[in-house]
Amino acid sequence: LKLAADGIFSFSVKPLKFITWLGMGFIGLT
């Protein structure tokens, strides 16, 4: 699982963009 997580988070900015969009979604919901 650690190897899989390293593969996802080490080479991509997509999780960071997901967090940004999730925060904006919460603001819209508010």
PDB file of all heavy atoms in Angstrom:
ATOM      1  N   LEU A   1       0.825  -1.202   0.000  1.00  0.00           N
ATOM      2  CA  LEU A   1       0.000   0.000   0.000  1.00  0.00           C
ATOM      3  C   LEU A   1       0.861   1.255   0.000  1.00  0.00           C
ATOM      4  O   LEU A   1       0.498   2.256  -0.627  1.00  0.00           O
ATOM      5  CB  LEU A   1      -0.931   0.001   1.212  1.00  0.00           C
ATOM      6  CG  LEU A   1      -2.043  -1.045   1.188  1.00  0.00           C
ATOM      7  CD1 LEU A   1      -2.811  -1.030   2.491  1.00  0.00           C
ATOM      8  CD2 LEU A   1      -2.979  -0.797   0.029  1.00  0.00           C
ATOM      9  N   LYS A   2       1.992   1.205   0.685  1.00  0.00           N
ATOM     10  CA  LYS A   2       2.899   2.354   0.695  1.00  0.00           C
ATOM     11  C   LYS A   2       3.445   2.614  -0.702  1.00  0.00           C
ATOM     12  O   LYS A   2       3.547   3.759  -1.130  1.00  0.00           O
ATOM     13  CB  LYS A   2       4.043   2.130   1.668  1.00  0.00           C
ATOM     14  CG  LYS A   2       4.966   3.325   1.803  1.00  0.00           C
ATOM     15  CD  LYS A   2       6.092   3.038   2.776  1.00  0.00           C
ATOM     16  CE  LYS A   2       7.016   4.211   2.948  1.00  0.00           C
ATOM     17  NZ  LYS A   2       7.467   4.863   1.774  1.00  0.00           N
ATOM     18  N   LEU A   3       3.773   1.568  -1.415  1.00  0.00           N
ATOM     19  CA  LEU A   3       4.261   1.712  -2.786  1.00  0.00           C
ATOM     20  C   LEU A   3       3.183   2.307  -3.692  1.00  0.00           C
ATOM     21  O   LEU A   3       3.461   3.177  -4.517  1.00  0.00           O
ATOM     22  CB  LEU A   3       4.717   0.351  -3.327  1.00  0.00           C
ATOM     23  CG  LEU A   3       5.268   0.345  -4.748  1.00  0.00           C
ATOM     24  CD1 LEU A   3       6.551   1.152  -4.819  1.00  0.00           C
ATOM     25  CD2 LEU A   3       5.518  -1.083  -5.194  1.00  0.00           C
ATOM     26  N   ALA A   4       1.963   1.864  -3.504  1.00  0.00           N
ATOM     27  CA  ALA A   4       0.858   2.413  -4.302  1.00  0.00           C
ATOM     28  C   ALA A   4       0.631   3.889  -3.971  1.00  0.00           C
ATOM     29  O   ALA A   4       0.418   4.706  -4.877  1.00  0.00           O
ATOM     30  CB  ALA A   4      -0.412   1.611  -4.053  1.00  0.00           C
ATOM     31  N   ALA A   5       0.691   4.245  -2.696  1.00  0.00           N
ATOM     32  CA  ALA A   5       0.515   5.645  -2.303  1.00  0.00           C
ATOM     33  C   ALA A   5       1.651   6.505  -2.839  1.00  0.00           C
ATOM     34  O   ALA A   5       1.424   7.636  -3.295  1.00  0.00           O
ATOM     35  CB  ALA A   5       0.439   5.752  -0.785  1.00  0.00           C
ATOM     36  N   ASP A   6       2.879   5.993  -2.812  1.00  0.00           N
ATOM     37  CA  ASP A   6       4.001   6.744  -3.373  1.00  0.00           C
ATOM     38  C   ASP A   6       3.823   6.958  -4.867  1.00  0.00           C
ATOM     39  O   ASP A   6       4.152   8.015  -5.398  1.00  0.00           O
ATOM     40  CB  ASP A   6       5.329   6.008  -3.118  1.00  0.00           C
ATOM     41  CG  ASP A   6       5.786   6.132  -1.675  1.00  0.00           C
ATOM     42  OD1 ASP A   6       5.279   7.030  -0.973  1.00  0.00           O
ATOM     43  OD2 ASP A   6       6.651   5.332  -1.263  1.00  0.00           O
ATOM     44  N   GLY A   7       3.309   5.975  -5.553  1.00  0.00           N
ATOM     45  CA  GLY A   7       3.072   6.104  -6.984  1.00  0.00           C
ATOM     46  C   GLY A   7       2.018   7.143  -7.304  1.00  0.00           C
ATOM     47  O   GLY A   7       2.087   7.826  -8.324  1.00  0.00           O
ATOM     48  N   ILE A   8       1.028   7.284  -6.450  1.00  0.00           N
ATOM     49  CA  ILE A   8      -0.044   8.249  -6.695  1.00  0.00           C
ATOM     50  C   ILE A   8       0.396   9.660  -6.326  1.00  0.00           C
ATOM     51  O   ILE A   8       0.208  10.612  -7.076  1.00  0.00           O
ATOM     52  CB  ILE A   8      -1.316   7.865  -5.905  1.00  0.00           C
ATOM     53  CG1 ILE A   8      -1.912   6.583  -6.464  1.00  0.00           C
ATOM     54  CG2 ILE A   8      -2.334   8.998  -5.935  1.00  0.00           C
ATOM     55  CD1 ILE A   8      -3.034   6.021  -5.629  1.00  0.00           C
ATOM     56  N   PHE A   9       1.012   9.808  -5.162  1.00  0.00           N
ATOM     57  CA  PHE A   9       1.285  11.142  -4.645  1.00  0.00           C
ATOM     58  C   PHE A   9       2.630  11.716  -5.078  1.00  0.00           C
ATOM     59  O   PHE A   9       2.834  12.922  -5.025  1.00  0.00           O
ATOM     60  CB  PHE A   9       1.211  11.136  -3.122  1.00  0.00           C
ATOM     61  CG  PHE A   9      -0.149  10.777  -2.598  1.00  0.00           C
ATOM     62  CD1 PHE A   9      -0.327   9.693  -1.781  1.00  0.00           C
ATOM     63  CD2 PHE A   9      -1.249  11.527  -2.955  1.00  0.00           C
ATOM     64  CE1 PHE A   9      -1.576   9.363  -1.303  1.00  0.00           C
ATOM     65  CE2 PHE A   9      -2.504  11.197  -2.494  1.00  0.00           C
ATOM     66  CZ  PHE A   9      -2.669  10.114  -1.657  1.00  0.00           C
ATOM     67  N   SER A  10       3.569  10.895  -5.513  1.00  0.00           N
ATOM     68  CA  SER A  10       4.897  11.400  -5.826  1.00  0.00           C
ATOM     69  C   SER A  10       4.994  12.023  -7.213  1.00  0.00           C
ATOM     70  O   SER A  10       5.829  12.896  -7.434  1.00  0.00           O
ATOM     71  CB  SER A  10       5.914  10.267  -5.734  1.00  0.00           C
ATOM     72  OG  SER A  10       6.027   9.828  -4.404  1.00  0.00           O
ATOM     73  N   PHE A  11       4.206  11.584  -8.134  1.00  0.00           N
ATOM     74  CA  PHE A  11       4.368  12.016  -9.514  1.00  0.00           C
ATOM     75  C   PHE A  11       3.193  12.817 -10.040  1.00  0.00           C
ATOM     76  O   PHE A  11       3.091  13.023 -11.236  1.00  0.00           O
ATOM     77  CB  PHE A  11       4.585  10.795 -10.413  1.00  0.00           C
ATOM     78  CG  PHE A  11       5.767   9.969  -9.998  1.00  0.00           C
ATOM     79  CD1 PHE A  11       5.591   8.738  -9.399  1.00  0.00           C
ATOM     80  CD2 PHE A  11       7.052  10.447 -10.186  1.00  0.00           C
ATOM     81  CE1 PHE A  11       6.684   7.974  -9.009  1.00  0.00           C
ATOM     82  CE2 PHE A  11       8.139   9.692  -9.797  1.00  0.00           C
ATOM     83  CZ  PHE A  11       7.959   8.459  -9.205  1.00  0.00           C
ATOM     84  N   SER A  12       2.322  13.264  -9.162  1.00  0.00           N
ATOM     85  CA  SER A  12       1.126  13.938  -9.638  1.00  0.00           C
ATOM     86  C   SER A  12       0.751  15.096  -8.715  1.00  0.00           C
ATOM     87  O   SER A  12       0.960  15.040  -7.512  1.00  0.00           O
ATOM     88  CB  SER A  12      -0.036  12.950  -9.707  1.00  0.00           C
ATOM     89  OG  SER A  12      -1.198  13.599 -10.131  1.00  0.00           O
ATOM     90  N   VAL A  13       0.166  16.116  -9.314  1.00  0.00           N
ATOM     91  CA  VAL A  13      -0.341  17.257  -8.559  1.00  0.00           C
ATOM     92  C   VAL A  13      -1.868  17.133  -8.415  1.00  0.00           C
ATOM     93  O   VAL A  13      -2.499  17.932  -7.749  1.00  0.00           O
ATOM     94  CB  VAL A  13       0.038  18.570  -9.278  1.00  0.00           C
ATOM     95  CG1 VAL A  13      -0.299  19.790  -8.461  1.00  0.00           C
ATOM     96  CG2 VAL A  13       1.517  18.579  -9.603  1.00  0.00           C
ATOM     97  N   LYS A  14      -2.430  16.094  -8.995  1.00  0.00           N
ATOM     98  CA  LYS A  14      -3.885  15.928  -8.989  1.00  0.00           C
ATOM     99  C   LYS A  14      -4.491  15.831  -7.585  1.00  0.00           C
ATOM    100  O   LYS A  14      -5.557  16.403  -7.356  1.00  0.00           O
ATOM    101  CB  LYS A  14      -4.284  14.731  -9.832  1.00  0.00           C
ATOM    102  CG  LYS A  14      -4.057  14.970 -11.311  1.00  0.00           C
ATOM    103  CD  LYS A  14      -4.749  13.929 -12.144  1.00  0.00           C
ATOM    104  CE  LYS A  14      -4.348  14.057 -13.582  1.00  0.00           C
ATOM    105  NZ  LYS A  14      -5.133  15.004 -14.311  1.00  0.00           N
ATOM    106  N   PRO A  15      -3.853  15.147  -6.613  1.00  0.00           N
ATOM    107  CA  PRO A  15      -4.442  15.164  -5.271  1.00  0.00           C
ATOM    108  C   PRO A  15      -4.508  16.573  -4.672  1.00  0.00           C
ATOM    109  O   PRO A  15      -5.464  16.903  -3.975  1.00  0.00           O
ATOM    110  CB  PRO A  15      -3.512  14.271  -4.451  1.00  0.00           C
ATOM    111  CG  PRO A  15      -2.896  13.362  -5.437  1.00  0.00           C
ATOM    112  CD  PRO A  15      -2.750  14.178  -6.677  1.00  0.00           C
ATOM    113  N   LEU A  16      -3.526  17.408  -4.970  1.00  0.00           N
ATOM    114  CA  LEU A  16      -3.551  18.781  -4.474  1.00  0.00           C
ATOM    115  C   LEU A  16      -4.663  19.579  -5.139  1.00  0.00           C
ATOM    116  O   LEU A  16      -5.352  20.370  -4.486  1.00  0.00           O
ATOM    117  CB  LEU A  16      -2.206  19.458  -4.736  1.00  0.00           C
ATOM    118  CG  LEU A  16      -1.007  18.864  -4.004  1.00  0.00           C
ATOM    119  CD1 LEU A  16       0.268  19.513  -4.479  1.00  0.00           C
ATOM    120  CD2 LEU A  16      -1.171  19.026  -2.512  1.00  0.00           C
ATOM    121  N   LYS A  17      -4.860  19.358  -6.427  1.00  0.00           N
ATOM    122  CA  LYS A  17      -5.946  20.035  -7.121  1.00  0.00           C
ATOM    123  C   LYS A  17      -7.297  19.545  -6.603  1.00  0.00           C
ATOM    124  O   LYS A  17      -8.247  20.318  -6.492  1.00  0.00           O
ATOM    125  CB  LYS A  17      -5.836  19.825  -8.626  1.00  0.00           C
ATOM    126  CG  LYS A  17      -4.666  20.570  -9.210  1.00  0.00           C
ATOM    127  CD  LYS A  17      -4.635  20.484 -10.713  1.00  0.00           C
ATOM    128  CE  LYS A  17      -3.420  21.259 -11.188  1.00  0.00           C
ATOM    129  NZ  LYS A  17      -3.406  21.506 -12.583  1.00  0.00           N
ATOM    130  N   PHE A  18      -7.373  18.253  -6.271  1.00  0.00           N
ATOM    131  CA  PHE A  18      -8.613  17.704  -5.713  1.00  0.00           C
ATOM    132  C   PHE A  18      -8.931  18.381  -4.382  1.00  0.00           C
ATOM    133  O   PHE A  18     -10.085  18.734  -4.117  1.00  0.00           O
ATOM    134  CB  PHE A  18      -8.493  16.188  -5.531  1.00  0.00           C
ATOM    135  CG  PHE A  18      -9.657  15.581  -4.819  1.00  0.00           C
ATOM    136  CD1 PHE A  18     -10.885  15.465  -5.443  1.00  0.00           C
ATOM    137  CD2 PHE A  18      -9.537  15.155  -3.506  1.00  0.00           C
ATOM    138  CE1 PHE A  18     -11.973  14.916  -4.785  1.00  0.00           C
ATOM    139  CE2 PHE A  18     -10.615  14.604  -2.839  1.00  0.00           C
ATOM    140  CZ  PHE A  18     -11.837  14.485  -3.475  1.00  0.00           C
ATOM    141  N   ILE A  19      -7.917  18.592  -3.547  1.00  0.00           N
ATOM    142  CA  ILE A  19      -8.133  19.242  -2.254  1.00  0.00           C
ATOM    143  C   ILE A  19      -8.606  20.680  -2.464  1.00  0.00           C
ATOM    144  O   ILE A  19      -9.508  21.159  -1.768  1.00  0.00           O
ATOM    145  CB  ILE A  19      -6.847  19.188  -1.407  1.00  0.00           C
ATOM    146  CG1 ILE A  19      -6.608  17.764  -0.933  1.00  0.00           C
ATOM    147  CG2 ILE A  19      -6.914  20.140  -0.226  1.00  0.00           C
ATOM    148  CD1 ILE A  19      -5.302  17.557  -0.220  1.00  0.00           C
ATOM    149  N   THR A  20      -8.012  21.366  -3.434  1.00  0.00           N
ATOM    150  CA  THR A  20      -8.425  22.737  -3.724  1.00  0.00           C
ATOM    151  C   THR A  20      -9.881  22.779  -4.172  1.00  0.00           C
ATOM    152  O   THR A  20     -10.673  23.595  -3.690  1.00  0.00           O
ATOM    153  CB  THR A  20      -7.525  23.346  -4.817  1.00  0.00           C
ATOM    154  OG1 THR A  20      -6.163  23.258  -4.401  1.00  0.00           O
ATOM    155  CG2 THR A  20      -7.878  24.793  -5.073  1.00  0.00           C
ATOM    156  N   TRP A  21     -10.251  21.894  -5.095  1.00  0.00           N
ATOM    157  CA  TRP A  21     -11.632  21.877  -5.586  1.00  0.00           C
ATOM    158  C   TRP A  21     -12.613  21.425  -4.509  1.00  0.00           C
ATOM    159  O   TRP A  21     -13.762  21.890  -4.471  1.00  0.00           O
ATOM    160  CB  TRP A  21     -11.757  21.010  -6.832  1.00  0.00           C
ATOM    161  CG  TRP A  21     -11.190  21.684  -8.032  1.00  0.00           C
ATOM    162  CD1 TRP A  21     -10.028  21.379  -8.674  1.00  0.00           C
ATOM    163  CD2 TRP A  21     -11.744  22.795  -8.729  1.00  0.00           C
ATOM    164  NE1 TRP A  21      -9.828  22.235  -9.728  1.00  0.00           N
ATOM    165  CE2 TRP A  21     -10.861  23.116  -9.777  1.00  0.00           C
ATOM    166  CE3 TRP A  21     -12.895  23.555  -8.555  1.00  0.00           C
ATOM    167  CZ2 TRP A  21     -11.105  24.168 -10.651  1.00  0.00           C
ATOM    168  CZ3 TRP A  21     -13.125  24.601  -9.439  1.00  0.00           C
ATOM    169  CH2 TRP A  21     -12.242  24.898 -10.466  1.00  0.00           C
ATOM    170  N   LEU A  22     -12.177  20.523  -3.627  1.00  0.00           N
ATOM    171  CA  LEU A  22     -13.037  20.101  -2.523  1.00  0.00           C
ATOM    172  C   LEU A  22     -13.317  21.276  -1.592  1.00  0.00           C
ATOM    173  O   LEU A  22     -14.452  21.477  -1.143  1.00  0.00           O
ATOM    174  CB  LEU A  22     -12.379  18.945  -1.762  1.00  0.00           C
ATOM    175  CG  LEU A  22     -13.165  18.341  -0.608  1.00  0.00           C
ATOM    176  CD1 LEU A  22     -14.390  17.614  -1.146  1.00  0.00           C
ATOM    177  CD2 LEU A  22     -12.294  17.393   0.185  1.00  0.00           C
ATOM    178  N   GLY A  23     -12.278  22.056  -1.303  1.00  0.00           N
ATOM    179  CA  GLY A  23     -12.462  23.244  -0.467  1.00  0.00           C
ATOM    180  C   GLY A  23     -13.402  24.251  -1.114  1.00  0.00           C
ATOM    181  O   GLY A  23     -14.257  24.832  -0.445  1.00  0.00           O
ATOM    182  N   MET A  24     -13.250  24.446  -2.431  1.00  0.00           N
ATOM    183  CA  MET A  24     -14.148  25.368  -3.126  1.00  0.00           C
ATOM    184  C   MET A  24     -15.579  24.843  -3.140  1.00  0.00           C
ATOM    185  O   MET A  24     -16.537  25.615  -3.071  1.00  0.00           O
ATOM    186  CB  MET A  24     -13.652  25.616  -4.544  1.00  0.00           C
ATOM    187  CG  MET A  24     -12.407  26.454  -4.608  1.00  0.00           C
ATOM    188  SD  MET A  24     -11.942  26.730  -6.312  1.00  0.00           S
ATOM    189  CE  MET A  24     -10.366  27.511  -6.089  1.00  0.00           C
ATOM    190  N   GLY A  25     -15.719  23.526  -3.216  1.00  0.00           N
ATOM    191  CA  GLY A  25     -17.055  22.930  -3.139  1.00  0.00           C
ATOM    192  C   GLY A  25     -17.697  23.161  -1.781  1.00  0.00           C
ATOM    193  O   GLY A  25     -18.896  23.455  -1.689  1.00  0.00           O
ATOM    194  N   PHE A  26     -16.897  23.052  -0.716  1.00  0.00           N
ATOM    195  CA  PHE A  26     -17.414  23.330   0.634  1.00  0.00           C
ATOM    196  C   PHE A  26     -17.839  24.792   0.757  1.00  0.00           C
ATOM    197  O   PHE A  26     -18.857  25.098   1.387  1.00  0.00           O
ATOM    198  CB  PHE A  26     -16.367  23.007   1.691  1.00  0.00           C
ATOM    199  CG  PHE A  26     -16.298  21.563   2.091  1.00  0.00           C
ATOM    200  CD1 PHE A  26     -15.365  21.127   3.010  1.00  0.00           C
ATOM    201  CD2 PHE A  26     -17.159  20.623   1.559  1.00  0.00           C
ATOM    202  CE1 PHE A  26     -15.286  19.807   3.385  1.00  0.00           C
ATOM    203  CE2 PHE A  26     -17.092  19.296   1.918  1.00  0.00           C
ATOM    204  CZ  PHE A  26     -16.157  18.893   2.840  1.00  0.00           C
ATOM    205  N   ILE A  27     -17.055  25.699   0.164  1.00  0.00           N
ATOM    206  CA  ILE A  27     -17.416  27.112   0.215  1.00  0.00           C
ATOM    207  C   ILE A  27     -18.719  27.346  -0.548  1.00  0.00           C
ATOM    208  O   ILE A  27     -19.601  28.084  -0.087  1.00  0.00           O
ATOM    209  CB  ILE A  27     -16.270  27.977  -0.348  1.00  0.00           C
ATOM    210  CG1 ILE A  27     -15.066  27.909   0.590  1.00  0.00           C
ATOM    211  CG2 ILE A  27     -16.719  29.423  -0.539  1.00  0.00           C
ATOM    212  CD1 ILE A  27     -13.817  28.550   0.035  1.00  0.00           C
ATOM    213  N   GLY A  28     -18.881  26.712  -1.705  1.00  0.00           N
ATOM    214  CA  GLY A  28     -20.128  26.824  -2.456  1.00  0.00           C
ATOM    215  C   GLY A  28     -21.310  26.245  -1.692  1.00  0.00           C
ATOM    216  O   GLY A  28     -22.404  26.826  -1.683  1.00  0.00           O
ATOM    217  N   LEU A  29     -21.091  25.114  -1.048  1.00  0.00           N
ATOM    218  CA  LEU A  29     -22.144  24.504  -0.229  1.00  0.00           C
ATOM    219  C   LEU A  29     -22.546  25.422   0.912  1.00  0.00           C
ATOM    220  O   LEU A  29     -23.731  25.542   1.241  1.00  0.00           O
ATOM    221  CB  LEU A  29     -21.655  23.152   0.302  1.00  0.00           C
ATOM    222  CG  LEU A  29     -22.631  22.313   1.089  1.00  0.00           C
ATOM    223  CD1 LEU A  29     -23.743  21.827   0.167  1.00  0.00           C
ATOM    224  CD2 LEU A  29     -21.926  21.136   1.720  1.00  0.00           C
ATOM    225  N   THR A  30     -21.561  26.095   1.497  1.00  0.00           N
ATOM    226  CA  THR A  30     -21.851  27.041   2.570  1.00  0.00           C
ATOM    227  C   THR A  30     -22.685  28.206   2.057  1.00  0.00           C
ATOM    228  O   THR A  30     -23.623  28.650   2.727  1.00  0.00           O
ATOM    229  CB  THR A  30     -20.537  27.568   3.176  1.00  0.00           C
ATOM    230  OG1 THR A  30     -19.791  26.465   3.674  1.00  0.00           O
ATOM    231  CG2 THR A  30     -20.798  28.541   4.291  1.00  0.00           C
TER     232      THR A  30
END
